[in-house]
Full PDB file with SEQRES, HELIX, SHEET, SSBOND, CRYST1, ORIGX, SCALE, CONECT and MASTER records, all heavy atoms in Angstrom:
SEQRES   1 A   40  LEU ILE ALA ALA ASP LYS SER LEU ASN PHE VAL GLY ASN          
SEQRES   2 A   40  VAL GLU ALA SER ASN LEU PHE ASN GLY PRO ALA ASP VAL          
SEQRES   3 A   40  VAL VAL THR ASP GLY PHE THR GLY ASN ALA THR LEU LYS          
SEQRES   4 A   40  ALA                                                          
HELIX    1 AA1 ALA A   16  ASN A   21  5                                   6    
HELIX    2 AA2 GLY A   31  LYS A   39  1                                   9    
CRYST1    1.000    1.000    1.000  90.00  90.00  90.00 P 1           1          
ORIGX1      1.000000  0.000000  0.000000        0.00000                         
ORIGX2      0.000000  1.000000  0.000000        0.00000                         
ORIGX3      0.000000  0.000000  1.000000        0.00000                         
SCALE1      1.000000  0.000000  0.000000        0.00000                         
SCALE2      0.000000  1.000000  0.000000        0.00000                         
SCALE3      0.000000  0.000000  1.000000        0.00000                         
ATOM      1  N   LEU A   1     -10.547  19.325  -7.297  1.00  0.00           N  
ATOM      2  CA  LEU A   1      -9.104  19.134  -7.132  1.00  0.00           C  
ATOM      3  C   LEU A   1      -8.800  18.035  -6.114  1.00  0.00           C  
ATOM      4  O   LEU A   1      -7.932  17.181  -6.344  1.00  0.00           O  
ATOM      5  CB  LEU A   1      -8.451  20.445  -6.675  1.00  0.00           C  
ATOM      6  CG  LEU A   1      -8.315  21.554  -7.716  1.00  0.00           C  
ATOM      7  CD1 LEU A   1      -7.798  22.832  -7.059  1.00  0.00           C  
ATOM      8  CD2 LEU A   1      -7.389  21.127  -8.841  1.00  0.00           C  
ATOM      9  N   ILE A   2      -9.495  18.061  -4.979  1.00  0.00           N  
ATOM     10  CA  ILE A   2      -9.242  17.060  -3.937  1.00  0.00           C  
ATOM     11  C   ILE A   2      -9.695  15.680  -4.404  1.00  0.00           C  
ATOM     12  O   ILE A   2      -9.000  14.677  -4.203  1.00  0.00           O  
ATOM     13  CB  ILE A   2      -9.951  17.453  -2.624  1.00  0.00           C  
ATOM     14  CG1 ILE A   2      -9.431  18.810  -2.129  1.00  0.00           C  
ATOM     15  CG2 ILE A   2      -9.710  16.392  -1.543  1.00  0.00           C  
ATOM     16  CD1 ILE A   2     -10.224  19.390  -0.956  1.00  0.00           C  
ATOM     17  N   ALA A   3     -10.860  15.617  -5.052  1.00  0.00           N  
ATOM     18  CA  ALA A   3     -11.390  14.334  -5.526  1.00  0.00           C  
ATOM     19  C   ALA A   3     -10.497  13.714  -6.598  1.00  0.00           C  
ATOM     20  O   ALA A   3     -10.419  12.479  -6.718  1.00  0.00           O  
ATOM     21  CB  ALA A   3     -12.803  14.534  -6.079  1.00  0.00           C  
ATOM     22  N   ALA A   4      -9.802  14.545  -7.364  1.00  0.00           N  
ATOM     23  CA  ALA A   4      -8.954  14.040  -8.453  1.00  0.00           C  
ATOM     24  C   ALA A   4      -7.689  13.364  -7.945  1.00  0.00           C  
ATOM     25  O   ALA A   4      -7.074  12.568  -8.669  1.00  0.00           O  
ATOM     26  CB  ALA A   4      -8.593  15.186  -9.399  1.00  0.00           C  
ATOM     27  N   ASP A   5      -7.270  13.674  -6.723  1.00  0.00           N  
ATOM     28  CA  ASP A   5      -6.061  13.076  -6.146  1.00  0.00           C  
ATOM     29  C   ASP A   5      -6.446  11.771  -5.461  1.00  0.00           C  
ATOM     30  O   ASP A   5      -6.968  11.763  -4.346  1.00  0.00           O  
ATOM     31  CB  ASP A   5      -5.413  14.034  -5.152  1.00  0.00           C  
ATOM     32  CG  ASP A   5      -4.029  13.570  -4.705  1.00  0.00           C  
ATOM     33  OD1 ASP A   5      -3.764  12.345  -4.756  1.00  0.00           O  
ATOM     34  OD2 ASP A   5      -3.222  14.420  -4.292  1.00  0.00           O  
ATOM     35  N   LYS A   6      -6.169  10.651  -6.109  1.00  0.00           N  
ATOM     36  CA  LYS A   6      -6.586   9.349  -5.598  1.00  0.00           C  
ATOM     37  C   LYS A   6      -5.745   8.875  -4.406  1.00  0.00           C  
ATOM     38  O   LYS A   6      -6.068   7.864  -3.782  1.00  0.00           O  
ATOM     39  CB  LYS A   6      -6.521   8.298  -6.721  1.00  0.00           C  
ATOM     40  CG  LYS A   6      -7.442   8.622  -7.902  1.00  0.00           C  
ATOM     41  CD  LYS A   6      -8.879   8.894  -7.443  1.00  0.00           C  
ATOM     42  CE  LYS A   6      -9.785   9.288  -8.609  1.00  0.00           C  
ATOM     43  NZ  LYS A   6     -11.151   9.659  -8.151  1.00  0.00           N  
ATOM     44  N   SER A   7      -4.673   9.608  -4.092  1.00  0.00           N  
ATOM     45  CA  SER A   7      -3.892   9.263  -2.904  1.00  0.00           C  
ATOM     46  C   SER A   7      -4.600   9.723  -1.623  1.00  0.00           C  
ATOM     47  O   SER A   7      -4.259   9.284  -0.526  1.00  0.00           O  
ATOM     48  CB  SER A   7      -2.499   9.911  -2.967  1.00  0.00           C  
ATOM     49  OG  SER A   7      -2.581  11.331  -2.800  1.00  0.00           O  
ATOM     50  N   LEU A   8      -5.593  10.600  -1.786  1.00  0.00           N  
ATOM     51  CA  LEU A   8      -6.347  11.101  -0.649  1.00  0.00           C  
ATOM     52  C   LEU A   8      -7.641  10.310  -0.476  1.00  0.00           C  
ATOM     53  O   LEU A   8      -8.308   9.980  -1.453  1.00  0.00           O  
ATOM     54  CB  LEU A   8      -6.681  12.588  -0.843  1.00  0.00           C  
ATOM     55  CG  LEU A   8      -5.502  13.560  -0.852  1.00  0.00           C  
ATOM     56  CD1 LEU A   8      -5.978  14.958  -1.249  1.00  0.00           C  
ATOM     57  CD2 LEU A   8      -4.804  13.601   0.502  1.00  0.00           C  
ATOM     58  N   ASN A   9      -7.996  10.053   0.763  1.00  0.00           N  
ATOM     59  CA  ASN A   9      -9.249   9.371   1.086  1.00  0.00           C  
ATOM     60  C   ASN A   9     -10.335  10.425   1.271  1.00  0.00           C  
ATOM     61  O   ASN A   9     -10.751  10.744   2.382  1.00  0.00           O  
ATOM     62  CB  ASN A   9      -9.066   8.536   2.356  1.00  0.00           C  
ATOM     63  CG  ASN A   9     -10.308   7.739   2.718  1.00  0.00           C  
ATOM     64  OD1 ASN A   9     -11.220   7.585   1.905  1.00  0.00           O  
ATOM     65  ND2 ASN A   9     -10.353   7.245   3.941  1.00  0.00           N  
ATOM     66  N   PHE A  10     -10.783  10.976   0.133  1.00  0.00           N  
ATOM     67  CA  PHE A  10     -11.737  12.085   0.154  1.00  0.00           C  
ATOM     68  C   PHE A  10     -13.163  11.551   0.288  1.00  0.00           C  
ATOM     69  O   PHE A  10     -13.616  10.741  -0.528  1.00  0.00           O  
ATOM     70  CB  PHE A  10     -11.592  12.901  -1.136  1.00  0.00           C  
ATOM     71  CG  PHE A  10     -12.452  14.130  -1.197  1.00  0.00           C  
ATOM     72  CD1 PHE A  10     -12.516  15.024  -0.134  1.00  0.00           C  
ATOM     73  CD2 PHE A  10     -13.209  14.411  -2.337  1.00  0.00           C  
ATOM     74  CE1 PHE A  10     -13.301  16.160  -0.194  1.00  0.00           C  
ATOM     75  CE2 PHE A  10     -13.991  15.555  -2.419  1.00  0.00           C  
ATOM     76  CZ  PHE A  10     -14.043  16.422  -1.334  1.00  0.00           C  
ATOM     77  N   VAL A  11     -13.865  12.038   1.316  1.00  0.00           N  
ATOM     78  CA  VAL A  11     -15.242  11.571   1.560  1.00  0.00           C  
ATOM     79  C   VAL A  11     -16.281  12.591   1.098  1.00  0.00           C  
ATOM     80  O   VAL A  11     -17.479  12.403   1.310  1.00  0.00           O  
ATOM     81  CB  VAL A  11     -15.454  11.239   3.056  1.00  0.00           C  
ATOM     82  CG1 VAL A  11     -14.562  10.084   3.483  1.00  0.00           C  
ATOM     83  CG2 VAL A  11     -15.211  12.469   3.944  1.00  0.00           C  
ATOM     84  N   GLY A  12     -15.828  13.682   0.476  1.00  0.00           N  
ATOM     85  CA  GLY A  12     -16.753  14.667  -0.064  1.00  0.00           C  
ATOM     86  C   GLY A  12     -17.045  15.825   0.872  1.00  0.00           C  
ATOM     87  O   GLY A  12     -16.294  16.089   1.823  1.00  0.00           O  
ATOM     88  N   ASN A  13     -18.138  16.504   0.626  1.00  0.00           N  
ATOM     89  CA  ASN A  13     -18.531  17.664   1.427  1.00  0.00           C  
ATOM     90  C   ASN A  13     -19.073  17.231   2.793  1.00  0.00           C  
ATOM     91  O   ASN A  13     -19.737  16.194   2.912  1.00  0.00           O  
ATOM     92  CB  ASN A  13     -19.621  18.463   0.702  1.00  0.00           C  
ATOM     93  CG  ASN A  13     -19.085  19.184  -0.522  1.00  0.00           C  
ATOM     94  OD1 ASN A  13     -17.954  19.651  -0.528  1.00  0.00           O  
ATOM     95  ND2 ASN A  13     -19.902  19.275  -1.565  1.00  0.00           N  
ATOM     96  N   VAL A  14     -18.795  18.042   3.809  1.00  0.00           N  
ATOM     97  CA  VAL A  14     -19.379  17.835   5.137  1.00  0.00           C  
ATOM     98  C   VAL A  14     -19.985  19.166   5.581  1.00  0.00           C  
ATOM     99  O   VAL A  14     -19.518  20.236   5.194  1.00  0.00           O  
ATOM    100  CB  VAL A  14     -18.340  17.347   6.170  1.00  0.00           C  
ATOM    101  CG1 VAL A  14     -17.778  16.004   5.762  1.00  0.00           C  
ATOM    102  CG2 VAL A  14     -17.212  18.361   6.341  1.00  0.00           C  
ATOM    103  N   GLU A  15     -21.029  19.073   6.392  1.00  0.00           N  
ATOM    104  CA  GLU A  15     -21.701  20.275   6.875  1.00  0.00           C  
ATOM    105  C   GLU A  15     -21.280  20.591   8.309  1.00  0.00           C  
ATOM    106  O   GLU A  15     -20.969  19.685   9.088  1.00  0.00           O  
ATOM    107  CB  GLU A  15     -23.214  20.099   6.804  1.00  0.00           C  
ATOM    108  CG  GLU A  15     -23.742  19.983   5.389  1.00  0.00           C  
ATOM    109  CD  GLU A  15     -25.258  19.866   5.353  1.00  0.00           C  
ATOM    110  OE1 GLU A  15     -25.777  18.785   5.680  1.00  0.00           O  
ATOM    111  OE2 GLU A  15     -25.913  20.864   4.993  1.00  0.00           O  
ATOM    112  N   ALA A  16     -21.337  21.871   8.656  1.00  0.00           N  
ATOM    113  CA  ALA A  16     -20.933  22.310   9.992  1.00  0.00           C  
ATOM    114  C   ALA A  16     -21.784  21.665  11.082  1.00  0.00           C  
ATOM    115  O   ALA A  16     -21.293  21.355  12.173  1.00  0.00           O  
ATOM    116  CB  ALA A  16     -21.022  23.833  10.096  1.00  0.00           C  
ATOM    117  N   SER A  17     -23.057  21.426  10.789  1.00  0.00           N  
ATOM    118  CA  SER A  17     -23.968  20.842  11.772  1.00  0.00           C  
ATOM    119  C   SER A  17     -23.610  19.405  12.127  1.00  0.00           C  
ATOM    120  O   SER A  17     -24.059  18.865  13.131  1.00  0.00           O  
ATOM    121  CB  SER A  17     -25.406  20.886  11.254  1.00  0.00           C  
ATOM    122  OG  SER A  17     -25.515  20.152  10.033  1.00  0.00           O  
ATOM    123  N   ASN A  18     -22.753  18.776  11.300  1.00  0.00           N  
ATOM    124  CA  ASN A  18     -22.420  17.362  11.490  1.00  0.00           C  
ATOM    125  C   ASN A  18     -20.982  17.139  11.948  1.00  0.00           C  
ATOM    126  O   ASN A  18     -20.547  15.992  12.095  1.00  0.00           O  
ATOM    127  CB  ASN A  18     -22.663  16.608  10.176  1.00  0.00           C  
ATOM    128  CG  ASN A  18     -22.699  15.117  10.356  1.00  0.00           C  
ATOM    129  OD1 ASN A  18     -23.230  14.614  11.346  1.00  0.00           O  
ATOM    130  ND2 ASN A  18     -22.119  14.385   9.414  1.00  0.00           N  
ATOM    131  N   LEU A  19     -20.221  18.214  12.191  1.00  0.00           N  
ATOM    132  CA  LEU A  19     -18.795  18.074  12.493  1.00  0.00           C  
ATOM    133  C   LEU A  19     -18.529  17.214  13.720  1.00  0.00           C  
ATOM    134  O   LEU A  19     -17.617  16.379  13.733  1.00  0.00           O  
ATOM    135  CB  LEU A  19     -18.154  19.460  12.680  1.00  0.00           C  
ATOM    136  CG  LEU A  19     -18.000  20.316  11.420  1.00  0.00           C  
ATOM    137  CD1 LEU A  19     -17.356  21.655  11.761  1.00  0.00           C  
ATOM    138  CD2 LEU A  19     -17.164  19.588  10.378  1.00  0.00           C  
ATOM    139  N   PHE A  20     -19.304  17.408  14.786  1.00  0.00           N  
ATOM    140  CA  PHE A  20     -19.081  16.652  16.019  1.00  0.00           C  
ATOM    141  C   PHE A  20     -19.381  15.167  15.870  1.00  0.00           C  
ATOM    142  O   PHE A  20     -18.981  14.359  16.702  1.00  0.00           O  
ATOM    143  CB  PHE A  20     -19.937  17.213  17.154  1.00  0.00           C  
ATOM    144  CG  PHE A  20     -19.385  18.470  17.764  1.00  0.00           C  
ATOM    145  CD1 PHE A  20     -20.234  19.383  18.382  1.00  0.00           C  
ATOM    146  CD2 PHE A  20     -18.030  18.751  17.729  1.00  0.00           C  
ATOM    147  CE1 PHE A  20     -19.737  20.547  18.951  1.00  0.00           C  
ATOM    148  CE2 PHE A  20     -17.516  19.905  18.292  1.00  0.00           C  
ATOM    149  CZ  PHE A  20     -18.370  20.806  18.905  1.00  0.00           C  
ATOM    150  N   ASN A  21     -20.097  14.799  14.813  1.00  0.00           N  
ATOM    151  CA  ASN A  21     -20.432  13.394  14.589  1.00  0.00           C  
ATOM    152  C   ASN A  21     -19.322  12.631  13.879  1.00  0.00           C  
ATOM    153  O   ASN A  21     -19.473  11.448  13.566  1.00  0.00           O  
ATOM    154  CB  ASN A  21     -21.737  13.278  13.795  1.00  0.00           C  
ATOM    155  CG  ASN A  21     -22.933  13.754  14.602  1.00  0.00           C  
ATOM    156  OD1 ASN A  21     -22.995  13.543  15.808  1.00  0.00           O  
ATOM    157  ND2 ASN A  21     -23.872  14.415  13.937  1.00  0.00           N  
ATOM    158  N   GLY A  22     -18.227  13.322  13.610  1.00  0.00           N  
ATOM    159  CA  GLY A  22     -17.063  12.654  13.044  1.00  0.00           C  
ATOM    160  C   GLY A  22     -17.171  12.201  11.611  1.00  0.00           C  
ATOM    161  O   GLY A  22     -16.778  11.074  11.282  1.00  0.00           O  
ATOM    162  N   PRO A  23     -17.669  13.040  10.689  1.00  0.00           N  
ATOM    163  CA  PRO A  23     -17.770  12.614   9.285  1.00  0.00           C  
ATOM    164  C   PRO A  23     -16.414  12.515   8.588  1.00  0.00           C  
ATOM    165  O   PRO A  23     -16.292  11.882   7.546  1.00  0.00           O  
ATOM    166  CB  PRO A  23     -18.626  13.713   8.650  1.00  0.00           C  
ATOM    167  CG  PRO A  23     -18.320  14.933   9.469  1.00  0.00           C  
ATOM    168  CD  PRO A  23     -18.167  14.420  10.884  1.00  0.00           C  
ATOM    169  N   ALA A  24     -15.384  13.171   9.157  1.00  0.00           N  
ATOM    170  CA  ALA A  24     -14.049  13.155   8.547  1.00  0.00           C  
ATOM    171  C   ALA A  24     -12.989  13.305   9.630  1.00  0.00           C  
ATOM    172  O   ALA A  24     -13.243  13.834  10.708  1.00  0.00           O  
ATOM    173  CB  ALA A  24     -13.926  14.274   7.515  1.00  0.00           C  
ATOM    174  N   ASP A  25     -11.792  12.819   9.324  1.00  0.00           N  
ATOM    175  CA  ASP A  25     -10.660  12.974  10.242  1.00  0.00           C  
ATOM    176  C   ASP A  25      -9.985  14.330  10.062  1.00  0.00           C  
ATOM    177  O   ASP A  25      -9.406  14.884  10.996  1.00  0.00           O  
ATOM    178  CB  ASP A  25      -9.634  11.860   9.999  1.00  0.00           C  
ATOM    179  CG  ASP A  25     -10.230  10.486  10.205  1.00  0.00           C  
ATOM    180  OD1 ASP A  25     -10.672  10.203  11.332  1.00  0.00           O  
ATOM    181  OD2 ASP A  25     -10.272   9.707   9.234  1.00  0.00           O  
ATOM    182  N   VAL A  26     -10.058  14.861   8.851  1.00  0.00           N  
ATOM    183  CA  VAL A  26      -9.512  16.185   8.527  1.00  0.00           C  
ATOM    184  C   VAL A  26     -10.574  16.954   7.757  1.00  0.00           C  
ATOM    185  O   VAL A  26     -11.064  16.469   6.738  1.00  0.00           O  
ATOM    186  CB  VAL A  26      -8.224  16.087   7.683  1.00  0.00           C  
ATOM    187  CG1 VAL A  26      -7.716  17.488   7.328  1.00  0.00           C  
ATOM    188  CG2 VAL A  26      -7.147  15.296   8.405  1.00  0.00           C  
ATOM    189  N   VAL A  27     -10.940  18.119   8.241  1.00  0.00           N  
ATOM    190  CA  VAL A  27     -11.925  18.964   7.572  1.00  0.00           C  
ATOM    191  C   VAL A  27     -11.204  20.164   6.980  1.00  0.00           C  
ATOM    192  O   VAL A  27     -10.536  20.924   7.696  1.00  0.00           O  
ATOM    193  CB  VAL A  27     -13.024  19.431   8.549  1.00  0.00           C  
ATOM    194  CG1 VAL A  27     -13.976  20.399   7.851  1.00  0.00           C  
ATOM    195  CG2 VAL A  27     -13.789  18.232   9.101  1.00  0.00           C  
ATOM    196  N   VAL A  28     -11.330  20.329   5.679  1.00  0.00           N  
ATOM    197  CA  VAL A  28     -10.657  21.420   4.952  1.00  0.00           C  
ATOM    198  C   VAL A  28     -11.634  22.563   4.736  1.00  0.00           C  
ATOM    199  O   VAL A  28     -12.792  22.349   4.363  1.00  0.00           O  
ATOM    200  CB  VAL A  28     -10.132  20.899   3.599  1.00  0.00           C  
ATOM    201  CG1 VAL A  28      -9.560  22.044   2.767  1.00  0.00           C  
ATOM    202  CG2 VAL A  28      -9.087  19.815   3.810  1.00  0.00           C  
ATOM    203  N   THR A  29     -11.148  23.793   4.957  1.00  0.00           N  
ATOM    204  CA  THR A  29     -11.990  24.968   4.762  1.00  0.00           C  
ATOM    205  C   THR A  29     -11.125  26.197   4.525  1.00  0.00           C  
ATOM    206  O   THR A  29      -9.918  26.180   4.798  1.00  0.00           O  
ATOM    207  CB  THR A  29     -12.909  25.192   5.982  1.00  0.00           C  
ATOM    208  OG1 THR A  29     -13.734  26.342   5.755  1.00  0.00           O  
ATOM    209  CG2 THR A  29     -12.100  25.422   7.245  1.00  0.00           C  
ATOM    210  N   ASP A  30     -11.738  27.254   4.030  1.00  0.00           N  
ATOM    211  CA  ASP A  30     -11.013  28.522   3.890  1.00  0.00           C  
ATOM    212  C   ASP A  30     -10.894  29.175   5.255  1.00  0.00           C  
ATOM    213  O   ASP A  30     -11.664  28.885   6.179  1.00  0.00           O  
ATOM    214  CB  ASP A  30     -11.730  29.445   2.904  1.00  0.00           C  
ATOM    215  CG  ASP A  30     -13.130  29.808   3.378  1.00  0.00           C  
ATOM    216  OD1 ASP A  30     -14.050  28.984   3.180  1.00  0.00           O  
ATOM    217  OD2 ASP A  30     -13.303  30.892   3.949  1.00  0.00           O  
ATOM    218  N   GLY A  31      -9.914  30.084   5.408  1.00  0.00           N  
ATOM    219  CA  GLY A  31      -9.614  30.668   6.708  1.00  0.00           C  
ATOM    220  C   GLY A  31     -10.747  31.451   7.338  1.00  0.00           C  
ATOM    221  O   GLY A  31     -10.947  31.400   8.557  1.00  0.00           O  
ATOM    222  N   PHE A  32     -11.504  32.184   6.524  1.00  0.00           N  
ATOM    223  CA  PHE A  32     -12.608  32.984   7.060  1.00  0.00           C  
ATOM    224  C   PHE A  32     -13.699  32.084   7.631  1.00  0.00           C  
ATOM    225  O   PHE A  32     -14.139  32.245   8.770  1.00  0.00           O  
ATOM    226  CB  PHE A  32     -13.182  33.890   5.971  1.00  0.00           C  
ATOM    227  CG  PHE A  32     -14.299  34.778   6.447  1.00  0.00           C  
ATOM    228  CD1 PHE A  32     -14.025  36.024   7.009  1.00  0.00           C  
ATOM    229  CD2 PHE A  32     -15.616  34.370   6.352  1.00  0.00           C  
ATOM    230  CE1 PHE A  32     -15.048  36.840   7.466  1.00  0.00           C  
ATOM    231  CE2 PHE A  32     -16.653  35.183   6.808  1.00  0.00           C  
ATOM    232  CZ  PHE A  32     -16.368  36.418   7.368  1.00  0.00           C  
ATOM    233  N   THR A  33     -14.131  31.106   6.831  1.00  0.00           N  
ATOM    234  CA  THR A  33     -15.177  30.188   7.275  1.00  0.00           C  
ATOM    235  C   THR A  33     -14.708  29.350   8.455  1.00  0.00           C  
ATOM    236  O   THR A  33     -15.450  29.124   9.412  1.00  0.00           O  
ATOM    237  CB  THR A  33     -15.597  29.259   6.118  1.00  0.00           C  
ATOM    238  OG1 THR A  33     -16.000  30.054   5.003  1.00  0.00           O  
ATOM    239  CG2 THR A  33     -16.732  28.351   6.529  1.00  0.00           C  
ATOM    240  N   GLY A  34     -13.455  28.895   8.386  1.00  0.00           N  
ATOM    241  CA  GLY A  34     -12.908  28.071   9.462  1.00  0.00           C  
ATOM    242  C   GLY A  34     -12.845  28.794  10.783  1.00  0.00           C  
ATOM    243  O   GLY A  34     -13.175  28.236  11.834  1.00  0.00           O  
ATOM    244  N   ASN A  35     -12.447  30.065  10.744  1.00  0.00           N  
ATOM    245  CA  ASN A  35     -12.361  30.851  11.971  1.00  0.00           C  
ATOM    246  C   ASN A  35     -13.733  31.086  12.573  1.00  0.00           C  
ATOM    247  O   ASN A  35     -13.935  30.953  13.792  1.00  0.00           O  
ATOM    248  CB  ASN A  35     -11.665  32.187  11.693  1.00  0.00           C  
ATOM    249  CG  ASN A  35     -11.390  32.972  12.964  1.00  0.00           C  
ATOM    250  OD1 ASN A  35     -12.151  33.848  13.342  1.00  0.00           O  
ATOM    251  ND2 ASN A  35     -10.308  32.627  13.629  1.00  0.00           N  
ATOM    252  N   ALA A  36     -14.700  31.408  11.716  1.00  0.00           N  
ATOM    253  CA  ALA A  36     -16.061  31.630  12.193  1.00  0.00           C  
ATOM    254  C   ALA A  36     -16.653  30.346  12.778  1.00  0.00           C  
ATOM    255  O   ALA A  36     -17.318  30.364  13.825  1.00  0.00           O  
ATOM    256  CB  ALA A  36     -16.934  32.138  11.051  1.00  0.00           C  
ATOM    257  N   THR A  37     -16.394  29.222  12.131  1.00  0.00           N  
ATOM    258  CA  THR A  37     -16.894  27.928  12.607  1.00  0.00           C  
ATOM    259  C   THR A  37     -16.264  27.558  13.941  1.00  0.00           C  
ATOM    260  O   THR A  37     -16.953  27.095  14.860  1.00  0.00           O  
ATOM    261  CB  THR A  37     -16.604  26.821  11.572  1.00  0.00           C  
ATOM    262  OG1 THR A  37     -17.207  27.178  10.324  1.00  0.00           O  
ATOM    263  CG2 THR A  37     -17.139  25.486  12.028  1.00  0.00           C  
ATOM    264  N   LEU A  38     -14.943  27.753  14.047  1.00  0.00           N  
ATOM    265  CA  LEU A  38     -14.236  27.428  15.293  1.00  0.00           C  
ATOM    266  C   LEU A  38     -14.780  28.231  16.465  1.00  0.00           C  
ATOM    267  O   LEU A  38     -15.036  27.683  17.552  1.00  0.00           O  
ATOM    268  CB  LEU A  38     -12.738  27.705  15.125  1.00  0.00           C  
ATOM    269  CG  LEU A  38     -11.866  27.463  16.362  1.00  0.00           C  
ATOM    270  CD1 LEU A  38     -11.876  25.991  16.756  1.00  0.00           C  
ATOM    271  CD2 LEU A  38     -10.435  27.929  16.100  1.00  0.00           C  
ATOM    272  N   LYS A  39     -15.000  29.536  16.259  1.00  0.00           N  
ATOM    273  CA  LYS A  39     -15.522  30.382  17.336  1.00  0.00           C  
ATOM    274  C   LYS A  39     -16.950  30.005  17.698  1.00  0.00           C  
ATOM    275  O   LYS A  39     -17.333  30.065  18.875  1.00  0.00           O  
ATOM    276  CB  LYS A  39     -15.421  31.856  16.930  1.00  0.00           C  
ATOM    277  CG  LYS A  39     -13.975  32.363  16.935  1.00  0.00           C  
ATOM    278  CD  LYS A  39     -13.866  33.796  16.463  1.00  0.00           C  
ATOM    279  CE  LYS A  39     -12.408  34.267  16.527  1.00  0.00           C  
ATOM    280  NZ  LYS A  39     -12.224  35.619  15.977  1.00  0.00           N  
ATOM    281  N   ALA A  40     -17.722  29.607  16.709  1.00  0.00           N  
ATOM    282  CA  ALA A  40     -19.090  29.158  16.982  1.00  0.00           C  
ATOM    283  C   ALA A  40     -19.083  27.879  17.812  1.00  0.00           C  
ATOM    284  O   ALA A  40     -19.873  27.723  18.749  1.00  0.00           O  
ATOM    285  CB  ALA A  40     -19.842  28.936  15.673  1.00  0.00           C  
TER     286      ALA A  40                                                      
MASTER        0    0    0    2    0    0    0    6  285    1    0    4          
END                                                                             
């Protein structure tokens, strides 16, 4: 769905281990995973 919207600059999947390295300006996730990742 995200890749199909050409108005978005979608860079694909990113892994939690790489978040601090700045792979994306906005990281999209579901609420459960996002909350667990944030607390970690």
